[in-house]
Structure formats: structure tokens, C-alpha cells
Amino acid sequence: MDNDVSAGSTTTSTLGHLALGLTLLAFGLGNTGVIDGVGAADASALATWVGGVALFMAGLLALRAGDGADGTAFAGLGAFWFTWGTAAGGGASAEATGLFLLVWSLLALSLTAATSGRGVLEQGVYGLLFLSLLLSGVGAFAEVSALGRIGGWTAAVAGLAAWYGATAAVAKWPAFSGRAAGRGVTATG
């Protein structure tokens, strides 16, 4: 790849949020038990390739384009999803699973704090991801499946929000950016 050619930050951000949204939606719905015969481990292939590899690549492209926020978020979450996807169904103990989810919830908490000022939708996605991982991790430790299901619903809502944000960017729909938009609107201060 020519060093003078870089991926567009907006395109990379949109791709990353689509990958994150689809992965969170599949992971979340798998944890809810709402679809008979579908569990969280059934999302492992999608988590590995879309959430892991594609999201990690989007992160590297964002970093190369100079977007440290999306680059860090997507590369970090890509590592999380790849690890989770390849380990799903591996027979880890409830404590190991809980610890894994709780440790990675710290990344989501950092991303939530880092997106302050970038828009309520993006901050909401990372906040819901944090809450989902926290609930799922505590549920795994305590062996309380209801917490895992609530965490699943939270992940599904986060996935829908990430998907909507990315789709809104592509389709030019309104998004909750937290920034003034429109003709003649300026921000002062």
C-alpha cells in the first residue's frame, strides 16, 4: 500500500461501528436466550471474523489515518472479540469467564470516558458495552444466569445503537452527535 494513500477517517469509523454493531447484536441476542437453540457461543464465528479481524483492521486503518480515538477503540475491541470468539465453547470455568469479561469491561469504561464530547450515541454505545460486560462478568462469577441475560439485552441495545450510528452516517440520516448541525448553525465559546 502506498504511504501517501490513507483510509478515510469517516469511512473507517463507519465500517468499525457497523462491525461492532453486528457483533454486539449477535452476542447480545445469543446471551438473552430469546431465540430457541441459539446461545452466545453461536456468535463465535461472527465475533472472530467481523468483531475481531475486521474491527481490528478498521482500528489499524484509523490509527494510520491519524484517528487515535477510533483506532484505539476498534483495535482494542477487535482484540477482545477475536479472543472471545476463538475461546467460546472452550470449557473455561465460570470464574475465568467472569474475570475475562470484567477485565475487558475496563476497556469499555475507558472508551466511554474517552468519547466525552464525541456525541451521545457513540458514548452511549461504549457505556452500554461496559454495562453489558460488567453484568455478564458478575453473572458468570455469581453463576446467576439472569444477569447474563440482562447483559445480553444491554449488548443487543448497544449493537443496535452502533448499527444505527453507522447506517445514519452512510445514509445521511439524523444522528445524535451532540454537535450543532445544519446550515447556518454555529457554535461559539
N, C-alpha and C. Protein backbone atom coordinates (compact mmCIF):
# COMPACT_ATOMS: atom_id res chain seq x y z
N MET A 1 0.84 -1.17 0.00
CA MET A 1 0.00 0.00 0.00
C MET A 1 0.88 1.23 0.00
N ASP A 2 0.61 2.18 -0.85
CA ASP A 2 1.35 3.42 -0.94
C ASP A 2 1.19 4.22 0.34
N ASN A 3 2.28 4.76 0.86
CA ASN A 3 2.22 5.52 2.10
C ASN A 3 1.45 6.82 1.96
N ASP A 4 1.26 7.30 0.74
CA ASP A 4 0.50 8.52 0.53
C ASP A 4 -1.00 8.28 0.53
N VAL A 5 -1.40 7.05 0.50
CA VAL A 5 -2.82 6.71 0.47
C VAL A 5 -3.24 6.31 1.88
N SER A 6 -4.25 6.96 2.40
CA SER A 6 -4.73 6.59 3.72
C SER A 6 -6.23 6.40 3.67
N ALA A 7 -6.71 5.57 4.57
CA ALA A 7 -8.14 5.33 4.63
C ALA A 7 -8.82 6.56 5.20
N GLY A 8 -9.98 6.87 4.66
CA GLY A 8 -10.74 8.00 5.16
C GLY A 8 -11.25 7.71 6.56
N SER A 9 -11.09 8.68 7.45
CA SER A 9 -11.48 8.50 8.84
C SER A 9 -12.97 8.21 8.96
N THR A 10 -13.79 8.91 8.18
CA THR A 10 -15.23 8.70 8.26
C THR A 10 -15.61 7.31 7.78
N THR A 11 -15.01 6.86 6.69
CA THR A 11 -15.29 5.53 6.17
C THR A 11 -14.85 4.45 7.15
N THR A 12 -13.66 4.62 7.71
CA THR A 12 -13.15 3.66 8.67
C THR A 12 -14.02 3.63 9.92
N SER A 13 -14.43 4.80 10.39
CA SER A 13 -15.30 4.87 11.56
C SER A 13 -16.63 4.17 11.30
N THR A 14 -17.19 4.39 10.12
CA THR A 14 -18.46 3.76 9.77
C THR A 14 -18.31 2.24 9.71
N LEU A 15 -17.26 1.77 9.06
CA LEU A 15 -17.00 0.32 8.98
C LEU A 15 -16.82 -0.26 10.38
N GLY A 16 -16.05 0.42 11.21
CA GLY A 16 -15.82 -0.07 12.57
C GLY A 16 -17.10 -0.13 13.39
N HIS A 17 -17.93 0.89 13.28
CA HIS A 17 -19.18 0.88 14.04
C HIS A 17 -20.18 -0.15 13.50
N LEU A 18 -20.16 -0.40 12.19
CA LEU A 18 -21.01 -1.48 11.65
C LEU A 18 -20.55 -2.84 12.18
N ALA A 19 -19.24 -3.08 12.15
CA ALA A 19 -18.71 -4.35 12.65
C ALA A 19 -19.01 -4.51 14.14
N LEU A 20 -18.82 -3.45 14.90
CA LEU A 20 -19.11 -3.51 16.33
C LEU A 20 -20.60 -3.74 16.56
N GLY A 21 -21.44 -3.05 15.82
CA GLY A 21 -22.88 -3.19 15.99
C GLY A 21 -23.38 -4.59 15.70
N LEU A 22 -22.94 -5.16 14.58
CA LEU A 22 -23.38 -6.51 14.22
C LEU A 22 -22.89 -7.54 15.23
N THR A 23 -21.66 -7.38 15.68
CA THR A 23 -21.11 -8.34 16.64
C THR A 23 -21.83 -8.23 17.99
N LEU A 24 -22.04 -7.00 18.46
CA LEU A 24 -22.75 -6.82 19.73
C LEU A 24 -24.18 -7.36 19.64
N LEU A 25 -24.84 -7.13 18.53
CA LEU A 25 -26.20 -7.61 18.37
C LEU A 25 -26.25 -9.14 18.42
N ALA A 26 -25.36 -9.80 17.70
CA ALA A 26 -25.33 -11.27 17.70
C ALA A 26 -24.96 -11.82 19.07
N PHE A 27 -23.93 -11.25 19.69
CA PHE A 27 -23.50 -11.67 21.03
C PHE A 27 -24.63 -11.45 22.03
N GLY A 28 -25.25 -10.29 21.97
CA GLY A 28 -26.32 -9.95 22.91
C GLY A 28 -27.52 -10.86 22.77
N LEU A 29 -27.98 -11.05 21.55
CA LEU A 29 -29.14 -11.92 21.34
C LEU A 29 -28.83 -13.36 21.74
N GLY A 30 -27.60 -13.79 21.51
CA GLY A 30 -27.20 -15.13 21.94
C GLY A 30 -27.26 -15.28 23.45
N ASN A 31 -26.92 -14.23 24.18
CA ASN A 31 -26.95 -14.29 25.64
C ASN A 31 -28.35 -14.17 26.23
N THR A 32 -29.29 -13.61 25.47
CA THR A 32 -30.63 -13.42 26.02
C THR A 32 -31.43 -14.71 26.09
N GLY A 33 -31.14 -15.65 25.19
CA GLY A 33 -31.92 -16.87 25.13
C GLY A 33 -33.26 -16.67 24.44
N VAL A 34 -33.46 -15.53 23.79
CA VAL A 34 -34.74 -15.21 23.17
C VAL A 34 -34.99 -16.05 21.90
N ILE A 35 -33.92 -16.51 21.27
CA ILE A 35 -34.06 -17.35 20.08
C ILE A 35 -33.75 -18.78 20.51
N ASP A 36 -34.74 -19.64 20.40
CA ASP A 36 -34.60 -21.02 20.85
C ASP A 36 -33.43 -21.71 20.15
N GLY A 37 -32.56 -22.31 20.94
CA GLY A 37 -31.45 -23.07 20.40
C GLY A 37 -30.25 -22.24 19.99
N VAL A 38 -30.27 -20.92 20.25
CA VAL A 38 -29.15 -20.05 19.90
C VAL A 38 -28.56 -19.48 21.18
N GLY A 39 -27.28 -19.75 21.38
CA GLY A 39 -26.58 -19.25 22.57
C GLY A 39 -25.48 -18.30 22.17
N ALA A 40 -24.82 -17.72 23.16
CA ALA A 40 -23.75 -16.76 22.91
C ALA A 40 -22.62 -17.39 22.10
N ALA A 41 -22.29 -18.65 22.36
CA ALA A 41 -21.20 -19.31 21.63
C ALA A 41 -21.51 -19.44 20.14
N ASP A 42 -22.80 -19.40 19.77
CA ASP A 42 -23.16 -19.48 18.36
C ASP A 42 -22.73 -18.23 17.59
N ALA A 43 -22.41 -17.16 18.29
CA ALA A 43 -21.95 -15.93 17.65
C ALA A 43 -20.43 -15.92 17.51
N SER A 44 -19.76 -17.02 17.86
CA SER A 44 -18.30 -17.01 17.90
C SER A 44 -17.65 -16.78 16.54
N ALA A 45 -18.19 -17.33 15.47
CA ALA A 45 -17.59 -17.11 14.15
C ALA A 45 -17.71 -15.65 13.74
N LEU A 46 -18.89 -15.06 13.96
CA LEU A 46 -19.07 -13.65 13.65
C LEU A 46 -18.16 -12.80 14.54
N ALA A 47 -18.05 -13.16 15.82
CA ALA A 47 -17.20 -12.40 16.74
C ALA A 47 -15.74 -12.48 16.31
N THR A 48 -15.30 -13.65 15.85
CA THR A 48 -13.91 -13.82 15.44
C THR A 48 -13.58 -13.01 14.20
N TRP A 49 -14.40 -13.14 13.17
CA TRP A 49 -14.04 -12.54 11.88
C TRP A 49 -14.55 -11.11 11.70
N VAL A 50 -15.77 -10.82 12.09
CA VAL A 50 -16.30 -9.46 11.92
C VAL A 50 -15.89 -8.59 13.10
N GLY A 51 -16.17 -9.07 14.31
CA GLY A 51 -15.83 -8.30 15.50
C GLY A 51 -14.35 -8.30 15.78
N GLY A 52 -13.66 -9.37 15.44
CA GLY A 52 -12.23 -9.47 15.71
C GLY A 52 -11.37 -8.93 14.61
N VAL A 53 -11.33 -9.64 13.51
CA VAL A 53 -10.41 -9.29 12.42
C VAL A 53 -10.81 -7.98 11.74
N ALA A 54 -12.06 -7.85 11.32
CA ALA A 54 -12.48 -6.64 10.60
C ALA A 54 -12.38 -5.41 11.50
N LEU A 55 -12.79 -5.54 12.75
CA LEU A 55 -12.73 -4.40 13.67
C LEU A 55 -11.27 -4.03 13.98
N PHE A 56 -10.42 -5.02 14.15
CA PHE A 56 -9.00 -4.75 14.39
C PHE A 56 -8.38 -4.04 13.18
N MET A 57 -8.70 -4.51 11.97
CA MET A 57 -8.18 -3.87 10.76
C MET A 57 -8.70 -2.44 10.64
N ALA A 58 -9.97 -2.22 10.96
CA ALA A 58 -10.51 -0.85 10.94
C ALA A 58 -9.76 0.01 11.94
N GLY A 59 -9.40 -0.56 13.08
CA GLY A 59 -8.62 0.18 14.06
C GLY A 59 -7.25 0.56 13.54
N LEU A 60 -6.58 -0.38 12.87
CA LEU A 60 -5.26 -0.07 12.31
C LEU A 60 -5.36 1.01 11.24
N LEU A 61 -6.39 0.93 10.39
CA LEU A 61 -6.58 1.95 9.36
C LEU A 61 -6.88 3.31 9.97
N ALA A 62 -7.68 3.32 11.03
CA ALA A 62 -7.98 4.59 11.70
C ALA A 62 -6.71 5.18 12.32
N LEU A 63 -5.90 4.34 12.95
CA LEU A 63 -4.65 4.83 13.52
C LEU A 63 -3.73 5.38 12.44
N ARG A 64 -3.68 4.70 11.32
CA ARG A 64 -2.85 5.15 10.19
C ARG A 64 -3.33 6.48 9.65
N ALA A 65 -4.65 6.70 9.69
CA ALA A 65 -5.22 7.95 9.20
C ALA A 65 -5.13 9.06 10.24
N GLY A 66 -4.59 8.76 11.41
CA GLY A 66 -4.42 9.77 12.44
C GLY A 66 -5.59 9.88 13.41
N ASP A 67 -6.52 8.95 13.36
CA ASP A 67 -7.67 8.97 14.27
C ASP A 67 -7.37 8.05 15.45
N GLY A 68 -6.76 8.64 16.48
CA GLY A 68 -6.36 7.85 17.64
C GLY A 68 -7.52 7.30 18.43
N ALA A 69 -8.64 8.05 18.49
CA ALA A 69 -9.78 7.60 19.29
C ALA A 69 -10.42 6.35 18.69
N ASP A 70 -10.81 6.42 17.42
CA ASP A 70 -11.42 5.25 16.78
C ASP A 70 -10.40 4.13 16.62
N GLY A 71 -9.15 4.48 16.34
CA GLY A 71 -8.11 3.47 16.18
C GLY A 71 -7.92 2.65 17.44
N THR A 72 -7.85 3.34 18.57
CA THR A 72 -7.69 2.65 19.85
C THR A 72 -8.92 1.81 20.16
N ALA A 73 -10.11 2.39 19.96
CA ALA A 73 -11.35 1.67 20.26
C ALA A 73 -11.48 0.42 19.40
N PHE A 74 -11.31 0.56 18.10
CA PHE A 74 -11.54 -0.57 17.20
C PHE A 74 -10.47 -1.64 17.33
N ALA A 75 -9.20 -1.24 17.47
CA ALA A 75 -8.14 -2.24 17.63
C ALA A 75 -8.30 -2.98 18.96
N GLY A 76 -8.59 -2.25 20.01
CA GLY A 76 -8.79 -2.88 21.32
C GLY A 76 -9.98 -3.81 21.34
N LEU A 77 -11.10 -3.34 20.79
CA LEU A 77 -12.30 -4.19 20.76
C LEU A 77 -12.13 -5.36 19.78
N GLY A 78 -11.37 -5.14 18.72
CA GLY A 78 -11.08 -6.25 17.81
C GLY A 78 -10.31 -7.36 18.51
N ALA A 79 -9.35 -6.97 19.35
CA ALA A 79 -8.60 -7.96 20.13
C ALA A 79 -9.53 -8.70 21.09
N PHE A 80 -10.44 -7.95 21.72
CA PHE A 80 -11.41 -8.58 22.63
C PHE A 80 -12.27 -9.60 21.88
N TRP A 81 -12.88 -9.17 20.79
CA TRP A 81 -13.80 -10.08 20.08
C TRP A 81 -13.09 -11.28 19.49
N PHE A 82 -11.86 -11.07 18.98
CA PHE A 82 -11.12 -12.21 18.43
C PHE A 82 -10.82 -13.22 19.53
N THR A 83 -10.39 -12.73 20.68
CA THR A 83 -10.09 -13.63 21.81
C THR A 83 -11.35 -14.34 22.27
N TRP A 84 -12.44 -13.60 22.44
CA TRP A 84 -13.69 -14.22 22.88
C TRP A 84 -14.18 -15.23 21.84
N GLY A 85 -14.16 -14.86 20.57
CA GLY A 85 -14.67 -15.74 19.53
C GLY A 85 -13.90 -17.03 19.39
N THR A 86 -12.58 -16.96 19.53
CA THR A 86 -11.79 -18.18 19.39
C THR A 86 -11.84 -19.05 20.65
N ALA A 87 -12.18 -18.45 21.80
CA ALA A 87 -12.24 -19.22 23.05
C ALA A 87 -13.64 -19.70 23.38
N ALA A 88 -14.67 -19.19 22.69
CA ALA A 88 -16.06 -19.54 23.01
C ALA A 88 -16.26 -21.05 22.88
N GLY A 89 -16.90 -21.61 23.86
CA GLY A 89 -17.16 -23.05 23.86
C GLY A 89 -15.95 -23.87 24.27
N GLY A 90 -14.90 -23.21 24.76
CA GLY A 90 -13.67 -23.90 25.12
C GLY A 90 -13.68 -24.53 26.50
N GLY A 91 -14.78 -24.41 27.21
CA GLY A 91 -14.89 -25.04 28.52
C GLY A 91 -14.19 -24.30 29.64
N ALA A 92 -14.05 -22.98 29.53
CA ALA A 92 -13.44 -22.20 30.62
C ALA A 92 -14.38 -22.21 31.82
N SER A 93 -13.80 -22.10 32.99
CA SER A 93 -14.60 -22.07 34.22
C SER A 93 -15.42 -20.78 34.27
N ALA A 94 -16.45 -20.78 35.10
CA ALA A 94 -17.28 -19.59 35.27
C ALA A 94 -16.43 -18.43 35.81
N GLU A 95 -15.50 -18.73 36.68
CA GLU A 95 -14.64 -17.69 37.24
C GLU A 95 -13.73 -17.10 36.17
N ALA A 96 -13.17 -17.94 35.32
CA ALA A 96 -12.30 -17.45 34.24
C ALA A 96 -13.10 -16.60 33.26
N THR A 97 -14.29 -17.03 32.93
CA THR A 97 -15.15 -16.27 32.03
C THR A 97 -15.52 -14.93 32.66
N GLY A 98 -15.90 -14.95 33.93
CA GLY A 98 -16.24 -13.72 34.63
C GLY A 98 -15.08 -12.75 34.67
N LEU A 99 -13.89 -13.25 34.99
CA LEU A 99 -12.70 -12.40 35.05
C LEU A 99 -12.40 -11.80 33.67
N PHE A 100 -12.49 -12.61 32.62
CA PHE A 100 -12.25 -12.14 31.26
C PHE A 100 -13.19 -10.99 30.92
N LEU A 101 -14.47 -11.17 31.19
CA LEU A 101 -15.45 -10.12 30.87
C LEU A 101 -15.25 -8.87 31.72
N LEU A 102 -14.93 -9.05 32.99
CA LEU A 102 -14.71 -7.89 33.86
C LEU A 102 -13.47 -7.09 33.47
N VAL A 103 -12.40 -7.79 33.12
CA VAL A 103 -11.19 -7.09 32.70
C VAL A 103 -11.45 -6.29 31.43
N TRP A 104 -12.15 -6.89 30.47
CA TRP A 104 -12.42 -6.17 29.23
C TRP A 104 -13.47 -5.08 29.42
N SER A 105 -14.28 -5.17 30.47
CA SER A 105 -15.22 -4.08 30.73
C SER A 105 -14.46 -2.80 31.07
N LEU A 106 -13.25 -2.94 31.59
CA LEU A 106 -12.44 -1.76 31.88
C LEU A 106 -12.06 -1.01 30.60
N LEU A 107 -11.80 -1.75 29.52
CA LEU A 107 -11.55 -1.09 28.23
C LEU A 107 -12.79 -0.32 27.80
N ALA A 108 -13.95 -0.93 27.93
CA ALA A 108 -15.19 -0.26 27.54
C ALA A 108 -15.43 0.98 28.40
N LEU A 109 -15.08 0.91 29.67
CA LEU A 109 -15.23 2.07 30.55
C LEU A 109 -14.28 3.19 30.10
N SER A 110 -13.06 2.85 29.75
CA SER A 110 -12.10 3.84 29.24
C SER A 110 -12.61 4.47 27.94
N LEU A 111 -13.18 3.65 27.06
CA LEU A 111 -13.71 4.18 25.80
C LEU A 111 -14.90 5.09 26.05
N THR A 112 -15.72 4.76 27.05
CA THR A 112 -16.85 5.61 27.40
C THR A 112 -16.35 6.99 27.83
N ALA A 113 -15.35 7.01 28.69
CA ALA A 113 -14.80 8.29 29.14
C ALA A 113 -14.13 9.04 28.00
N ALA A 114 -13.45 8.32 27.12
CA ALA A 114 -12.72 8.96 26.02
C ALA A 114 -13.64 9.57 24.97
N THR A 115 -14.88 9.11 24.89
CA THR A 115 -15.79 9.63 23.87
C THR A 115 -16.61 10.82 24.35
N SER A 116 -16.29 11.33 25.53
CA SER A 116 -16.97 12.52 26.02
C SER A 116 -16.77 13.65 25.01
N GLY A 117 -17.86 14.22 24.56
CA GLY A 117 -17.79 15.29 23.57
C GLY A 117 -17.87 14.81 22.13
N ARG A 118 -17.82 13.50 21.90
CA ARG A 118 -17.90 12.99 20.53
C ARG A 118 -19.33 12.66 20.13
N GLY A 119 -20.24 12.78 21.05
CA GLY A 119 -21.63 12.52 20.73
C GLY A 119 -22.25 11.52 21.67
N VAL A 120 -23.51 11.76 21.96
CA VAL A 120 -24.22 10.92 22.92
C VAL A 120 -24.41 9.50 22.39
N LEU A 121 -24.56 9.33 21.09
CA LEU A 121 -24.76 7.98 20.53
C LEU A 121 -23.50 7.14 20.69
N GLU A 122 -22.35 7.68 20.33
CA GLU A 122 -21.11 6.93 20.44
C GLU A 122 -20.77 6.65 21.90
N GLN A 123 -20.92 7.65 22.76
CA GLN A 123 -20.65 7.44 24.18
C GLN A 123 -21.64 6.43 24.76
N GLY A 124 -22.88 6.47 24.30
CA GLY A 124 -23.89 5.52 24.76
C GLY A 124 -23.56 4.09 24.37
N VAL A 125 -23.03 3.89 23.16
CA VAL A 125 -22.65 2.54 22.72
C VAL A 125 -21.59 1.97 23.65
N TYR A 126 -20.55 2.75 23.92
CA TYR A 126 -19.48 2.25 24.78
C TYR A 126 -19.94 2.11 26.23
N GLY A 127 -20.81 3.00 26.68
CA GLY A 127 -21.36 2.88 28.02
C GLY A 127 -22.20 1.63 28.18
N LEU A 128 -23.02 1.34 27.18
CA LEU A 128 -23.83 0.12 27.22
C LEU A 128 -22.96 -1.13 27.11
N LEU A 129 -21.89 -1.04 26.30
CA LEU A 129 -20.96 -2.17 26.22
C LEU A 129 -20.32 -2.42 27.58
N PHE A 130 -19.91 -1.37 28.26
CA PHE A 130 -19.35 -1.51 29.60
C PHE A 130 -20.35 -2.18 30.53
N LEU A 131 -21.58 -1.69 30.54
CA LEU A 131 -22.61 -2.25 31.41
C LEU A 131 -22.87 -3.72 31.07
N SER A 132 -22.91 -4.04 29.79
CA SER A 132 -23.14 -5.42 29.36
C SER A 132 -22.04 -6.35 29.84
N LEU A 133 -20.78 -5.93 29.64
CA LEU A 133 -19.66 -6.78 30.07
C LEU A 133 -19.61 -6.90 31.59
N LEU A 134 -19.92 -5.81 32.28
CA LEU A 134 -19.95 -5.85 33.74
C LEU A 134 -21.02 -6.81 34.25
N LEU A 135 -22.24 -6.69 33.73
CA LEU A 135 -23.33 -7.57 34.15
C LEU A 135 -23.03 -9.03 33.79
N SER A 136 -22.54 -9.25 32.58
CA SER A 136 -22.23 -10.62 32.15
C SER A 136 -21.09 -11.21 32.97
N GLY A 137 -20.09 -10.40 33.30
CA GLY A 137 -18.97 -10.88 34.11
C GLY A 137 -19.39 -11.22 35.52
N VAL A 138 -20.17 -10.33 36.15
CA VAL A 138 -20.66 -10.60 37.51
C VAL A 138 -21.59 -11.81 37.48
N GLY A 139 -22.43 -11.90 36.45
CA GLY A 139 -23.34 -13.04 36.32
C GLY A 139 -22.59 -14.35 36.19
N ALA A 140 -21.47 -14.33 35.45
CA ALA A 140 -20.66 -15.55 35.31
C ALA A 140 -20.01 -15.92 36.64
N PHE A 141 -19.45 -14.94 37.34
CA PHE A 141 -18.83 -15.20 38.64
C PHE A 141 -19.84 -15.75 39.64
N ALA A 142 -21.00 -15.11 39.70
CA ALA A 142 -22.01 -15.50 40.69
C ALA A 142 -22.88 -16.65 40.21
N GLU A 143 -22.68 -17.06 38.96
CA GLU A 143 -23.49 -18.10 38.33
C GLU A 143 -24.98 -17.77 38.42
N VAL A 144 -25.28 -16.52 38.07
CA VAL A 144 -26.66 -16.02 38.03
C VAL A 144 -26.99 -15.74 36.57
N SER A 145 -27.69 -16.67 35.93
CA SER A 145 -27.95 -16.55 34.50
C SER A 145 -28.81 -15.33 34.15
N ALA A 146 -29.62 -14.85 35.10
CA ALA A 146 -30.46 -13.67 34.83
C ALA A 146 -29.59 -12.44 34.55
N LEU A 147 -28.47 -12.32 35.25
CA LEU A 147 -27.56 -11.19 34.99
C LEU A 147 -26.96 -11.31 33.59
N GLY A 148 -26.63 -12.52 33.18
CA GLY A 148 -26.12 -12.74 31.83
C GLY A 148 -27.15 -12.37 30.76
N ARG A 149 -28.41 -12.69 31.02
CA ARG A 149 -29.47 -12.33 30.07
C ARG A 149 -29.67 -10.82 30.01
N ILE A 150 -29.63 -10.16 31.16
CA ILE A 150 -29.74 -8.70 31.18
C ILE A 150 -28.54 -8.08 30.45
N GLY A 151 -27.36 -8.63 30.70
CA GLY A 151 -26.18 -8.18 29.97
C GLY A 151 -26.32 -8.40 28.48
N GLY A 152 -26.96 -9.50 28.09
CA GLY A 152 -27.21 -9.77 26.68
C GLY A 152 -28.13 -8.73 26.05
N TRP A 153 -29.20 -8.41 26.75
CA TRP A 153 -30.12 -7.38 26.23
C TRP A 153 -29.40 -6.03 26.12
N THR A 154 -28.56 -5.74 27.10
CA THR A 154 -27.81 -4.48 27.07
C THR A 154 -26.86 -4.46 25.87
N ALA A 155 -26.20 -5.58 25.60
CA ALA A 155 -25.32 -5.67 24.43
C ALA A 155 -26.11 -5.53 23.14
N ALA A 156 -27.30 -6.12 23.08
CA ALA A 156 -28.12 -6.02 21.88
C ALA A 156 -28.54 -4.58 21.62
N VAL A 157 -28.90 -3.85 22.67
CA VAL A 157 -29.26 -2.43 22.52
C VAL A 157 -28.04 -1.63 22.06
N ALA A 158 -26.87 -1.92 22.65
CA ALA A 158 -25.64 -1.25 22.22
C ALA A 158 -25.35 -1.55 20.75
N GLY A 159 -25.56 -2.79 20.35
CA GLY A 159 -25.35 -3.17 18.95
C GLY A 159 -26.28 -2.43 18.00
N LEU A 160 -27.53 -2.31 18.40
CA LEU A 160 -28.48 -1.55 17.56
C LEU A 160 -28.09 -0.08 17.47
N ALA A 161 -27.62 0.48 18.58
CA ALA A 161 -27.19 1.88 18.56
C ALA A 161 -25.96 2.08 17.66
N ALA A 162 -24.99 1.17 17.76
CA ALA A 162 -23.80 1.26 16.91
C ALA A 162 -24.18 1.09 15.44
N TRP A 163 -25.06 0.13 15.16
CA TRP A 163 -25.52 -0.09 13.79
C TRP A 163 -26.24 1.16 13.28
N TYR A 164 -27.14 1.73 14.09
CA TYR A 164 -27.87 2.92 13.67
C TYR A 164 -26.91 4.08 13.37
N GLY A 165 -25.94 4.30 14.26
CA GLY A 165 -24.98 5.39 14.05
C GLY A 165 -24.21 5.24 12.75
N ALA A 166 -23.76 4.02 12.46
CA ALA A 166 -23.02 3.78 11.22
C ALA A 166 -23.93 3.90 10.00
N THR A 167 -25.12 3.35 10.11
CA THR A 167 -26.07 3.44 8.99
C THR A 167 -26.49 4.89 8.76
N ALA A 168 -26.67 5.64 9.83
CA ALA A 168 -27.02 7.06 9.71
C ALA A 168 -25.93 7.83 8.99
N ALA A 169 -24.67 7.49 9.26
CA ALA A 169 -23.56 8.16 8.58
C ALA A 169 -23.57 7.87 7.08
N VAL A 170 -23.83 6.62 6.71
CA VAL A 170 -23.83 6.23 5.30
C VAL A 170 -25.06 6.79 4.58
N ALA A 171 -26.22 6.70 5.23
CA ALA A 171 -27.48 7.10 4.60
C ALA A 171 -27.80 8.58 4.80
N LYS A 172 -26.94 9.28 5.53
CA LYS A 172 -27.15 10.70 5.83
C LYS A 172 -28.43 10.93 6.63
N TRP A 173 -28.73 10.00 7.54
CA TRP A 173 -29.86 10.15 8.46
C TRP A 173 -29.42 11.01 9.64
N PRO A 174 -30.39 11.50 10.40
CA PRO A 174 -30.00 12.24 11.61
C PRO A 174 -29.35 11.30 12.63
N ALA A 175 -28.35 11.81 13.29
CA ALA A 175 -27.69 11.04 14.35
C ALA A 175 -27.61 11.92 15.58
N PHE A 176 -27.35 11.32 16.70
CA PHE A 176 -27.27 12.04 17.95
C PHE A 176 -25.81 12.38 18.21
N SER A 177 -25.29 13.34 17.47
CA SER A 177 -23.86 13.63 17.56
C SER A 177 -23.50 14.51 18.73
N GLY A 178 -24.47 15.23 19.27
CA GLY A 178 -24.13 16.13 20.36
C GLY A 178 -23.51 17.42 19.86
N ARG A 179 -23.37 17.57 18.56
CA ARG A 179 -22.79 18.75 17.96
C ARG A 179 -23.84 19.47 17.15
N ALA A 180 -23.71 20.77 17.05
CA ALA A 180 -24.64 21.55 16.23
C ALA A 180 -24.50 21.15 14.78
N ALA A 181 -25.59 21.06 14.09
CA ALA A 181 -25.55 20.67 12.68
C ALA A 181 -26.58 21.49 11.91
N GLY A 182 -26.34 21.56 10.65
CA GLY A 182 -27.30 22.25 9.79
C GLY A 182 -26.74 23.56 9.27
N ARG A 183 -27.40 24.10 8.25
CA ARG A 183 -26.98 25.31 7.59
C ARG A 183 -27.12 26.49 8.54
N GLY A 184 -26.07 27.26 8.64
CA GLY A 184 -26.10 28.48 9.41
C GLY A 184 -26.01 28.29 10.93
N VAL A 185 -25.84 27.11 11.39
CA VAL A 185 -25.74 26.87 12.83
C VAL A 185 -24.26 26.89 13.19
N THR A 186 -23.93 27.74 14.12
CA THR A 186 -22.53 27.81 14.57
C THR A 186 -22.48 27.66 16.08
N ALA A 187 -21.37 27.21 16.53
CA ALA A 187 -21.15 27.09 17.98
C ALA A 187 -20.14 28.14 18.40
N THR A 188 -20.39 28.77 19.49
CA THR A 188 -19.45 29.75 19.99
C THR A 188 -18.99 29.35 21.37
N GLY A 189 -17.87 29.90 21.80
CA GLY A 189 -17.45 29.63 23.17
C GLY A 189 -16.14 29.04 23.31
